[in-house]
Amino acid sequence: MANRVVITGMGWVTPLGHDIEQVWQRLLRAESGIAPITLFDARTFPTTFAAEVKDYQLPAALRQSGMHQEISRATGFALAAATQAWEQAGLPAPRTPGHARLDPYSIGMYLGSGEGSLDFGTFTEVTLGAWDQSAGTVATGSWAKSAMRRFNAMREIEQEPCMPLTHLSLEFNARGPAMNCLTACAASTQALGEATQIIRRGDAEIMISGGAHSMIHPFGVTGFNRLTALSTMNDDPRRSCRPFDATRAGFVLGEGAGILILESLEHAVRRNATILAEIVGYGSSADAYRVTDQHPEGRGAVVAIEEALRDAALSVDDIDYINAHGTGTKENDSTETLAIKHVFGPRAKSVPISSIKSMMGHLIAAAGAVEAITCVLAIRDQVLPPTANYCVPDPECDLDYVPNEARKAKVNVAMSNSFGFGGQNDTLIVRRFAD
């Protein structure tokens, strides 16, 4: 019989703050973390705003550790979020006698984390310094000499998507199964689902899972601008992300991390842990349609939702709330609505749905983990976060999107959808824990 999988700890670092309770209350008040970009000079870009993590500093204990030097923003976010989650789970702190008694091979990790940012300033200066005006090209010999002198080797290594995983392993002495996926916007939902499967089959007792990402840099913003995926409402950043609204015109790039501690029920009970919720369903699929688009009929999304329901042995009548992928692009929101209608049938109109990206921005690889935490909090407090900036109904998006104000509701089972570029589709179902 497969192990039941429970959540015992949660942590996040987000554009709305770095503390679970503070951020949750801001979400319920429909506050925004979106503002003009400060991480680089974006004045000449089509989009000049984003959802940055603000006033953030790595905790002192992590700063003082010799293991975490020259880390990327995303890795720092992951370390801080994991530390919060580990503490909430009541697990012994790293480098203490209690921690030493944990079996390191029973602690695994599955993250959905993105690449670190380039040392863009140094790269640009080295390249421009090696420009040969007469030849109209870069003098590669001069470039290489300058690069060897100025590039920081550790910063180059920290660009790799696996590095948050590496630093969490070092910090928590986690030596069990270790994996990272980068399936675009679905990554950390997929990570949580696959971590659940690892515990179910008995390959680990504890999994550190979630995701981290930061793409608010010149290459990241340029790439999404060229895809025409970003909102360009530069005159009103806070209202620029409008999921399911008829005037929606693109998503807002965000950054941050969300980490959850998953355990087998037996292990959590054995150590008398406080159980926050249970993961009961996971579904995953690929569209096999187009590199940048979902299938317009939502075929892959339908499969992921149906697989999650089947895995949980639940019906559509059991779902009390859907945390939507809800990016605020024309294509995503209409396709997700279509998929929900296909699976839920007549009940689709009565299931409340909301998108926190309207306030948080899109955390890309980290989005799904942050939204899974939101589902747990909705179950805990019996309240639904709103979809902010919803003003003009769209005939194609005609469901209950919890517009603009939080809503008290009975929530025992919550579903979280994540659909990524390339046609990756993942759905997670979280339930109130019952012995």
Protein backbone atom coordinates (compact mmCIF):
# COMPACT_ATOMS: atom_id res chain seq x y z
CA MET A 1 0.00 0.00 0.00
CA ALA A 2 1.37 3.44 -0.94
CA ASN A 3 2.38 5.84 1.80
CA ARG A 4 0.13 8.82 2.43
CA VAL A 5 1.94 12.13 1.94
CA VAL A 6 1.40 15.11 4.23
CA ILE A 7 2.68 18.69 4.37
CA THR A 8 4.35 19.66 7.64
CA GLY A 9 6.19 22.87 6.74
CA MET A 10 5.91 25.78 4.32
CA GLY A 11 8.03 28.82 3.49
CA TRP A 12 8.16 31.45 0.79
CA VAL A 13 9.96 34.56 -0.37
CA THR A 14 7.69 36.60 -2.64
CA PRO A 15 7.10 40.06 -4.12
CA LEU A 16 4.55 40.62 -1.32
CA GLY A 17 6.93 39.73 1.51
CA HIS A 18 8.97 36.96 3.06
CA ASP A 19 6.73 35.63 5.82
CA ILE A 20 3.81 33.21 5.42
CA GLU A 21 1.29 35.12 7.52
CA GLN A 22 2.24 38.61 6.31
CA VAL A 23 1.98 37.64 2.64
CA TRP A 24 -1.25 35.71 3.15
CA GLN A 25 -2.95 38.71 4.74
CA ARG A 26 -1.75 40.96 1.91
CA LEU A 27 -3.20 38.53 -0.64
CA LEU A 28 -6.53 38.54 1.16
CA ARG A 29 -6.52 42.35 1.02
CA ALA A 30 -5.82 42.21 -2.73
CA GLU A 31 -2.59 44.18 -2.36
CA SER A 32 -0.08 44.28 -5.20
CA GLY A 33 3.62 43.49 -5.34
CA ILE A 34 4.01 44.93 -8.84
CA ALA A 35 6.05 48.13 -9.35
CA PRO A 36 8.65 49.69 -11.69
CA ILE A 37 11.79 47.58 -12.16
CA THR A 38 14.75 48.53 -9.94
CA LEU A 39 17.10 45.59 -10.57
CA PHE A 40 18.28 47.14 -13.84
CA ASP A 41 17.53 50.22 -15.94
CA ALA A 42 14.43 49.16 -17.90
CA ARG A 43 13.35 52.60 -19.13
CA THR A 44 13.84 51.69 -22.79
CA PHE A 45 12.10 48.30 -22.58
CA PRO A 46 8.51 47.74 -23.78
CA THR A 47 7.73 46.62 -20.20
CA THR A 48 9.24 48.71 -17.41
CA PHE A 49 7.67 46.99 -14.37
CA ALA A 50 7.76 43.61 -12.64
CA ALA A 51 7.00 41.91 -9.32
CA GLU A 52 10.38 42.08 -7.58
CA VAL A 53 11.21 40.63 -4.16
CA LYS A 54 11.77 43.77 -2.08
CA ASP A 55 13.85 44.60 1.01
CA TYR A 56 15.22 41.09 1.10
CA GLN A 57 18.36 39.97 2.86
CA LEU A 58 19.54 36.39 3.33
CA PRO A 59 19.21 35.37 7.01
CA ALA A 60 22.39 35.96 9.01
CA ALA A 61 23.07 32.28 9.67
CA LEU A 62 23.05 31.57 5.94
CA ARG A 63 25.14 34.65 5.09
CA GLN A 64 27.80 33.61 7.58
CA SER A 65 27.99 30.05 6.30
CA GLY A 66 30.95 29.40 4.03
CA MET A 67 28.78 27.07 1.95
CA HIS A 68 26.63 29.74 0.31
CA GLN A 69 28.92 32.32 -1.24
CA GLU A 70 28.24 34.06 -4.59
CA ILE A 71 24.80 32.48 -4.83
CA SER A 72 22.17 33.67 -7.32
CA ARG A 73 19.03 35.51 -6.21
CA ALA A 74 16.95 32.39 -6.84
CA THR A 75 19.23 30.20 -4.70
CA GLY A 76 19.07 32.74 -1.87
CA PHE A 77 15.28 32.75 -2.08
CA ALA A 78 15.21 28.94 -2.02
CA LEU A 79 17.49 28.72 1.02
CA ALA A 80 15.41 31.23 2.97
CA ALA A 81 12.08 29.60 2.05
CA ALA A 82 13.41 26.13 2.89
CA THR A 83 14.68 27.36 6.26
CA GLN A 84 11.21 28.72 7.07
CA ALA A 85 9.58 25.46 6.02
CA TRP A 86 12.07 23.30 7.94
CA GLU A 87 11.49 25.34 11.11
CA GLN A 88 7.70 25.20 10.76
CA ALA A 89 7.92 21.44 10.33
CA GLY A 90 9.62 21.25 13.73
CA LEU A 91 12.63 19.43 12.32
CA PRO A 92 15.96 19.88 14.13
CA ALA A 93 18.06 22.79 12.91
CA PRO A 94 21.07 22.04 10.68
CA ARG A 95 24.41 21.46 12.41
CA THR A 96 22.79 20.53 15.74
CA PRO A 97 22.89 17.16 17.56
CA GLY A 98 19.23 16.56 16.75
CA HIS A 99 19.82 17.09 13.05
CA ALA A 100 22.77 14.73 13.15
CA ARG A 101 20.43 11.96 14.33
CA LEU A 102 18.31 12.23 11.16
CA ASP A 103 19.07 9.66 8.49
CA PRO A 104 20.41 11.88 5.67
CA TYR A 105 19.57 9.24 3.06
CA SER A 106 15.88 9.41 4.02
CA ILE A 107 15.78 13.16 3.19
CA GLY A 108 15.29 13.86 -0.50
CA MET A 109 14.75 16.93 -2.64
CA TYR A 110 12.74 17.62 -5.76
CA LEU A 111 12.77 21.21 -6.97
CA GLY A 112 11.42 23.06 -9.97
CA SER A 113 14.03 25.77 -10.14
CA GLY A 114 15.20 28.02 -12.95
CA GLU A 115 18.54 29.20 -14.19
CA GLY A 116 20.48 31.89 -12.32
CA SER A 117 21.01 35.26 -14.00
CA LEU A 118 24.08 36.11 -16.02
CA ASP A 119 26.66 38.51 -14.61
CA PHE A 120 25.17 40.83 -17.20
CA GLY A 121 27.09 43.99 -16.34
CA THR A 122 30.51 42.36 -16.49
CA PHE A 123 29.61 40.41 -19.62
CA THR A 124 28.53 43.60 -21.41
CA GLU A 125 31.61 45.57 -20.33
CA VAL A 126 33.98 42.79 -21.43
CA THR A 127 32.25 42.44 -24.78
CA LEU A 128 32.15 46.15 -25.53
CA GLY A 129 35.77 46.51 -24.40
CA ALA A 130 36.82 43.89 -26.96
CA TRP A 131 34.91 45.46 -29.86
CA ASP A 132 37.13 46.03 -32.90
CA GLN A 133 35.60 49.04 -34.62
CA SER A 134 37.67 48.70 -37.80
CA ALA A 135 36.75 45.03 -38.27
CA GLY A 136 33.19 45.47 -37.08
CA THR A 137 33.43 42.48 -34.76
CA VAL A 138 34.55 41.34 -31.31
CA ALA A 139 38.27 40.63 -31.02
CA THR A 140 38.03 37.18 -29.48
CA GLY A 141 41.60 37.14 -28.15
CA SER A 142 41.10 40.38 -26.25
CA TRP A 143 37.67 39.22 -25.11
CA ALA A 144 39.08 35.97 -23.70
CA LYS A 145 41.91 37.70 -21.82
CA SER A 146 39.54 40.21 -20.28
CA ALA A 147 36.99 37.49 -19.48
CA MET A 148 39.59 35.36 -17.70
CA ARG A 149 40.56 38.35 -15.61
CA ARG A 150 37.10 39.68 -14.78
CA PHE A 151 34.59 36.83 -14.77
CA ASN A 152 33.85 35.22 -11.41
CA ALA A 153 33.97 31.43 -11.75
CA MET A 154 31.49 30.81 -8.92
CA ARG A 155 28.95 33.22 -10.40
CA GLU A 156 29.19 31.35 -13.67
CA ILE A 157 28.52 28.03 -11.90
CA GLU A 158 25.61 29.56 -10.01
CA GLN A 159 23.79 30.12 -13.31
CA GLU A 160 23.00 26.40 -13.49
CA PRO A 161 19.38 25.43 -12.63
CA CYS A 162 20.63 22.65 -10.34
CA MET A 163 22.40 25.01 -7.93
CA PRO A 164 19.47 25.69 -5.56
CA LEU A 165 19.26 21.92 -5.16
CA THR A 166 22.99 21.76 -4.41
CA HIS A 167 22.82 24.44 -1.73
CA LEU A 168 19.77 22.89 -0.04
CA SER A 169 21.60 19.57 0.05
CA LEU A 170 24.58 21.23 1.73
CA GLU A 171 22.46 23.17 4.22
CA PHE A 172 20.20 20.31 5.31
CA ASN A 173 22.56 17.37 4.72
CA ALA A 174 19.94 15.88 2.43
CA ARG A 175 21.48 12.88 0.68
CA GLY A 176 18.39 11.06 -0.55
CA PRO A 177 16.80 11.31 -4.02
CA ALA A 178 17.78 14.66 -5.56
CA MET A 179 16.15 16.00 -8.72
CA ASN A 180 15.36 19.31 -10.40
CA CYS A 181 12.99 19.93 -13.30
CA LEU A 182 12.62 23.10 -15.34
CA THR A 183 9.34 22.56 -17.14
CA ALA A 184 8.72 26.29 -17.45
CA CYS A 185 5.75 27.64 -15.49
CA ALA A 186 4.67 24.14 -14.39
CA ALA A 187 8.01 23.25 -12.79
CA SER A 188 7.37 23.47 -9.05
CA THR A 189 3.91 21.90 -9.27
CA GLN A 190 5.55 19.02 -11.12
CA ALA A 191 8.29 18.92 -8.47
CA LEU A 192 5.71 18.61 -5.68
CA GLY A 193 3.85 15.90 -7.56
CA GLU A 194 6.96 13.88 -8.26
CA ALA A 195 8.21 14.34 -4.68
CA THR A 196 4.87 12.94 -3.54
CA GLN A 197 5.42 9.87 -5.70
CA ILE A 198 8.90 9.33 -4.23
CA ILE A 199 7.47 9.24 -0.69
CA ARG A 200 4.53 7.10 -1.75
CA ARG A 201 6.82 4.37 -3.03
CA GLY A 202 9.05 4.54 0.06
CA ASP A 203 12.23 6.00 -1.44
CA ALA A 204 12.32 8.83 1.13
CA GLU A 205 10.58 9.78 4.37
CA ILE A 206 11.07 13.54 4.02
CA MET A 207 11.14 15.56 0.79
CA ILE A 208 12.15 19.22 0.50
CA SER A 209 10.16 20.34 -2.52
CA GLY A 210 9.02 23.45 -4.37
CA GLY A 211 10.80 25.89 -6.61
CA ALA A 212 12.74 29.13 -7.06
CA HIS A 213 13.30 31.48 -9.97
CA SER A 214 14.36 35.02 -10.87
CA MET A 215 14.22 36.20 -14.48
CA ILE A 216 13.98 39.94 -13.81
CA HIS A 217 17.10 40.81 -15.77
CA PRO A 218 17.65 42.23 -19.29
CA PHE A 219 17.67 38.84 -21.03
CA GLY A 220 14.59 37.58 -19.20
CA VAL A 221 12.46 40.65 -19.82
CA THR A 222 13.63 40.90 -23.43
CA GLY A 223 12.75 37.28 -24.11
CA PHE A 224 9.20 37.54 -22.80
CA ASN A 225 8.71 40.90 -24.51
CA ARG A 226 9.69 39.32 -27.82
CA LEU A 227 7.15 36.58 -27.19
CA THR A 228 4.59 39.38 -26.65
CA ALA A 229 3.66 37.62 -23.41
CA LEU A 230 4.22 40.52 -20.97
CA SER A 231 1.78 43.26 -20.14
CA THR A 232 2.98 46.69 -21.31
CA MET A 233 0.66 48.79 -19.12
CA ASN A 234 3.56 50.94 -17.94
CA ASP A 235 1.26 53.74 -16.78
CA ASP A 236 -0.53 51.54 -14.22
CA PRO A 237 1.68 48.62 -13.06
CA ARG A 238 -0.44 47.61 -10.06
CA ARG A 239 -3.47 47.00 -12.27
CA SER A 240 -1.50 45.55 -15.16
CA CYS A 241 -2.14 41.86 -14.44
CA ARG A 242 -5.84 41.13 -15.09
CA PRO A 243 -6.49 37.38 -15.21
CA PHE A 244 -9.77 36.39 -16.88
CA ASP A 245 -10.70 40.05 -17.50
CA ALA A 246 -11.73 41.02 -21.05
CA THR A 247 -9.01 43.72 -21.10
CA ARG A 248 -6.17 41.39 -20.04
CA ALA A 249 -3.04 41.89 -22.13
CA GLY A 250 -0.21 39.78 -20.72
CA PHE A 251 1.40 38.55 -17.53
CA VAL A 252 3.76 40.33 -15.13
CA LEU A 253 7.18 38.81 -14.53
CA GLY A 254 7.82 37.98 -10.87
CA GLU A 255 10.48 36.21 -8.81
CA GLY A 256 10.76 34.31 -5.56
CA ALA A 257 10.60 30.84 -4.02
CA GLY A 258 8.15 28.50 -2.34
CA ILE A 259 9.30 25.41 -0.44
CA LEU A 260 7.23 22.75 1.30
CA ILE A 261 8.30 19.92 3.59
CA LEU A 262 6.53 16.71 2.59
CA GLU A 263 6.61 13.60 4.78
CA SER A 264 5.14 10.17 4.85
CA LEU A 265 2.23 10.15 7.26
CA GLU A 266 3.90 7.44 9.30
CA HIS A 267 7.07 9.50 9.74
CA ALA A 268 5.14 12.67 10.63
CA VAL A 269 3.03 10.85 13.21
CA ARG A 270 6.06 9.10 14.66
CA ARG A 271 7.69 12.43 15.50
CA ASN A 272 4.37 14.05 16.54
CA ALA A 273 4.55 16.71 13.80
CA THR A 274 1.76 19.20 13.14
CA ILE A 275 0.16 18.23 9.84
CA LEU A 276 -0.96 21.16 7.68
CA ALA A 277 -2.64 19.26 4.84
CA GLU A 278 -2.37 16.14 2.70
CA ILE A 279 -1.43 15.85 -0.97
CA VAL A 280 -3.89 13.38 -2.45
CA GLY A 281 -3.77 13.88 -6.22
CA TYR A 282 -1.29 14.62 -8.99
CA GLY A 283 -1.69 14.68 -12.75
CA SER A 284 0.79 15.53 -15.48
CA SER A 285 0.67 15.72 -19.27
CA ALA A 286 2.23 17.31 -22.36
CA ASP A 287 0.33 18.97 -25.19
CA ALA A 288 2.68 17.93 -28.02
CA TYR A 289 1.29 20.91 -29.88
CA ARG A 290 3.55 23.97 -30.15
CA VAL A 291 6.66 25.30 -28.38
CA THR A 292 5.07 28.46 -26.99
CA ASP A 293 1.34 27.67 -26.87
CA GLN A 294 -1.08 25.37 -25.13
CA HIS A 295 -3.44 23.43 -27.33
CA PRO A 296 -6.34 25.86 -27.96
CA GLU A 297 -8.84 23.24 -26.77
CA GLY A 298 -6.89 22.68 -23.55
CA ARG A 299 -6.42 18.97 -24.27
CA GLY A 300 -3.28 18.59 -22.13
CA ALA A 301 -4.78 20.60 -19.29
CA VAL A 302 -7.87 18.38 -19.35
CA VAL A 303 -5.72 15.26 -19.06
CA ALA A 304 -3.70 16.66 -16.13
CA ILE A 305 -6.85 17.65 -14.21
CA GLU A 306 -8.54 14.29 -14.88
CA GLU A 307 -5.41 12.37 -13.86
CA ALA A 308 -5.18 14.31 -10.59
CA LEU A 309 -8.83 13.55 -9.78
CA ARG A 310 -8.32 9.87 -10.60
CA ASP A 311 -5.15 9.74 -8.49
CA ALA A 312 -7.01 11.28 -5.55
CA ALA A 313 -10.06 9.01 -6.06
CA LEU A 314 -12.21 12.15 -6.05
CA SER A 315 -14.91 13.53 -8.32
CA VAL A 316 -15.47 17.09 -9.50
CA ASP A 317 -18.13 17.38 -6.78
CA ASP A 318 -15.38 17.09 -4.15
CA ILE A 319 -13.39 20.13 -5.31
CA ASP A 320 -14.15 23.25 -3.25
CA TYR A 321 -11.65 25.68 -4.82
CA ILE A 322 -9.37 25.92 -7.86
CA ASN A 323 -6.21 28.00 -7.69
CA ALA A 324 -5.87 28.80 -11.38
CA HIS A 325 -2.72 29.14 -13.42
CA GLY A 326 -4.43 32.39 -14.46
CA THR A 327 -1.56 34.32 -16.03
CA GLY A 328 -3.51 37.19 -17.53
CA THR A 329 -2.72 36.37 -21.17
CA LYS A 330 -5.54 36.11 -23.68
CA GLU A 331 -4.65 32.53 -24.62
CA ASN A 332 -3.95 30.98 -21.21
CA ASP A 333 -7.02 32.22 -19.40
CA SER A 334 -9.51 31.25 -22.10
CA THR A 335 -7.87 27.83 -22.54
CA GLU A 336 -7.82 27.12 -18.80
CA THR A 337 -11.47 28.13 -18.53
CA LEU A 338 -12.30 25.80 -21.41
CA ALA A 339 -10.43 22.91 -19.75
CA ILE A 340 -12.23 23.44 -16.42
CA LYS A 341 -15.59 23.47 -18.21
CA HIS A 342 -14.72 20.28 -20.07
CA VAL A 343 -13.80 18.38 -16.89
CA PHE A 344 -16.31 19.87 -14.44
CA GLY A 345 -19.28 20.08 -16.79
CA PRO A 346 -22.35 21.80 -15.29
CA ARG A 347 -20.56 22.18 -11.95
CA ALA A 348 -17.87 24.45 -13.44
CA LYS A 349 -20.02 27.54 -12.86
CA SER A 350 -20.30 26.90 -9.13
CA VAL A 351 -16.63 26.17 -8.29
CA PRO A 352 -14.77 29.30 -7.13
CA ILE A 353 -11.53 29.98 -9.02
CA SER A 354 -8.90 32.64 -8.41
CA SER A 355 -5.46 33.69 -9.58
CA ILE A 356 -2.96 35.21 -7.14
CA LYS A 357 -0.74 36.18 -10.10
CA SER A 358 -2.96 39.26 -10.31
CA MET A 359 -1.16 40.46 -7.14
CA MET A 360 2.04 38.41 -6.97
CA GLY A 361 3.04 38.42 -10.62
CA HIS A 362 4.19 35.23 -12.32
CA LEU A 363 7.05 33.57 -10.43
CA ILE A 364 7.69 31.24 -13.42
CA ALA A 365 9.27 28.02 -12.07
CA ALA A 366 8.40 28.99 -8.48
CA ALA A 367 4.76 29.87 -9.23
CA GLY A 368 3.23 26.43 -8.61
CA ALA A 369 4.80 25.96 -5.18
CA VAL A 370 3.65 29.39 -3.99
CA GLU A 371 0.16 28.61 -5.26
CA ALA A 372 0.16 25.22 -3.51
CA ILE A 373 0.95 27.02 -0.25
CA THR A 374 -1.98 29.34 -0.97
CA CYS A 375 -4.27 26.30 -1.26
CA VAL A 376 -3.13 25.03 2.15
CA LEU A 377 -3.82 28.43 3.71
CA ALA A 378 -7.25 28.61 2.07
CA ILE A 379 -8.09 25.24 3.64
CA ARG A 380 -6.70 26.29 7.01
CA ASP A 381 -8.60 29.59 7.22
CA GLN A 382 -11.66 28.72 5.13
CA VAL A 383 -11.18 31.79 2.97
CA LEU A 384 -10.40 32.27 -0.73
CA PRO A 385 -7.92 34.84 -2.04
CA PRO A 386 -9.35 37.04 -4.78
CA THR A 387 -8.50 37.62 -8.41
CA ALA A 388 -7.52 41.30 -8.34
CA ASN A 389 -8.14 43.78 -11.18
CA TYR A 390 -11.18 41.90 -12.49
CA CYS A 391 -13.51 44.55 -13.90
CA VAL A 392 -14.70 43.71 -17.41
CA PRO A 393 -16.25 40.23 -17.88
CA ASP A 394 -15.11 38.24 -20.89
CA PRO A 395 -17.75 36.04 -22.59
CA GLU A 396 -15.07 33.36 -23.06
CA CYS A 397 -14.18 33.44 -19.36
CA ASP A 398 -17.56 33.15 -17.66
CA LEU A 399 -16.83 31.28 -14.43
CA ASP A 400 -16.64 32.43 -10.79
CA TYR A 401 -13.20 34.05 -10.46
CA VAL A 402 -13.68 35.48 -6.90
CA PRO A 403 -13.31 39.04 -8.19
CA ASN A 404 -11.38 41.65 -6.20
CA GLU A 405 -12.36 40.63 -2.66
CA ALA A 406 -11.51 37.62 -0.51
CA ARG A 407 -14.43 35.31 0.22
CA LYS A 408 -15.27 33.10 3.16
CA ALA A 409 -15.98 29.57 1.95
CA LYS A 410 -16.03 25.95 3.00
CA VAL A 411 -12.75 24.53 1.67
CA ASN A 412 -11.76 20.95 2.37
CA VAL A 413 -10.24 20.10 -1.01
CA ALA A 414 -8.32 22.52 -3.26
CA MET A 415 -6.93 22.04 -6.75
CA SER A 416 -3.92 23.93 -8.14
CA ASN A 417 -3.23 24.15 -11.88
CA SER A 418 0.08 25.00 -13.58
CA PHE A 419 0.46 25.12 -17.36
CA GLY A 420 3.82 25.99 -18.89
CA PHE A 421 5.31 27.14 -22.17
CA GLY A 422 5.96 24.13 -24.33
CA GLY A 423 2.70 22.50 -23.29
CA GLN A 424 3.61 21.16 -19.84
CA ASN A 425 0.51 20.65 -17.69
CA ASP A 426 0.45 19.74 -14.01
CA THR A 427 -2.34 19.63 -11.46
CA LEU A 428 -2.09 19.04 -7.72
CA ILE A 429 -4.93 18.30 -5.28
CA VAL A 430 -4.55 19.16 -1.58
CA ARG A 431 -7.00 18.06 1.11
CA ARG A 432 -7.63 18.94 4.74
CA PHE A 433 -5.91 16.25 6.77
CA ALA A 434 -8.14 13.68 8.42
CA ASP A 435 -6.70 10.77 10.35
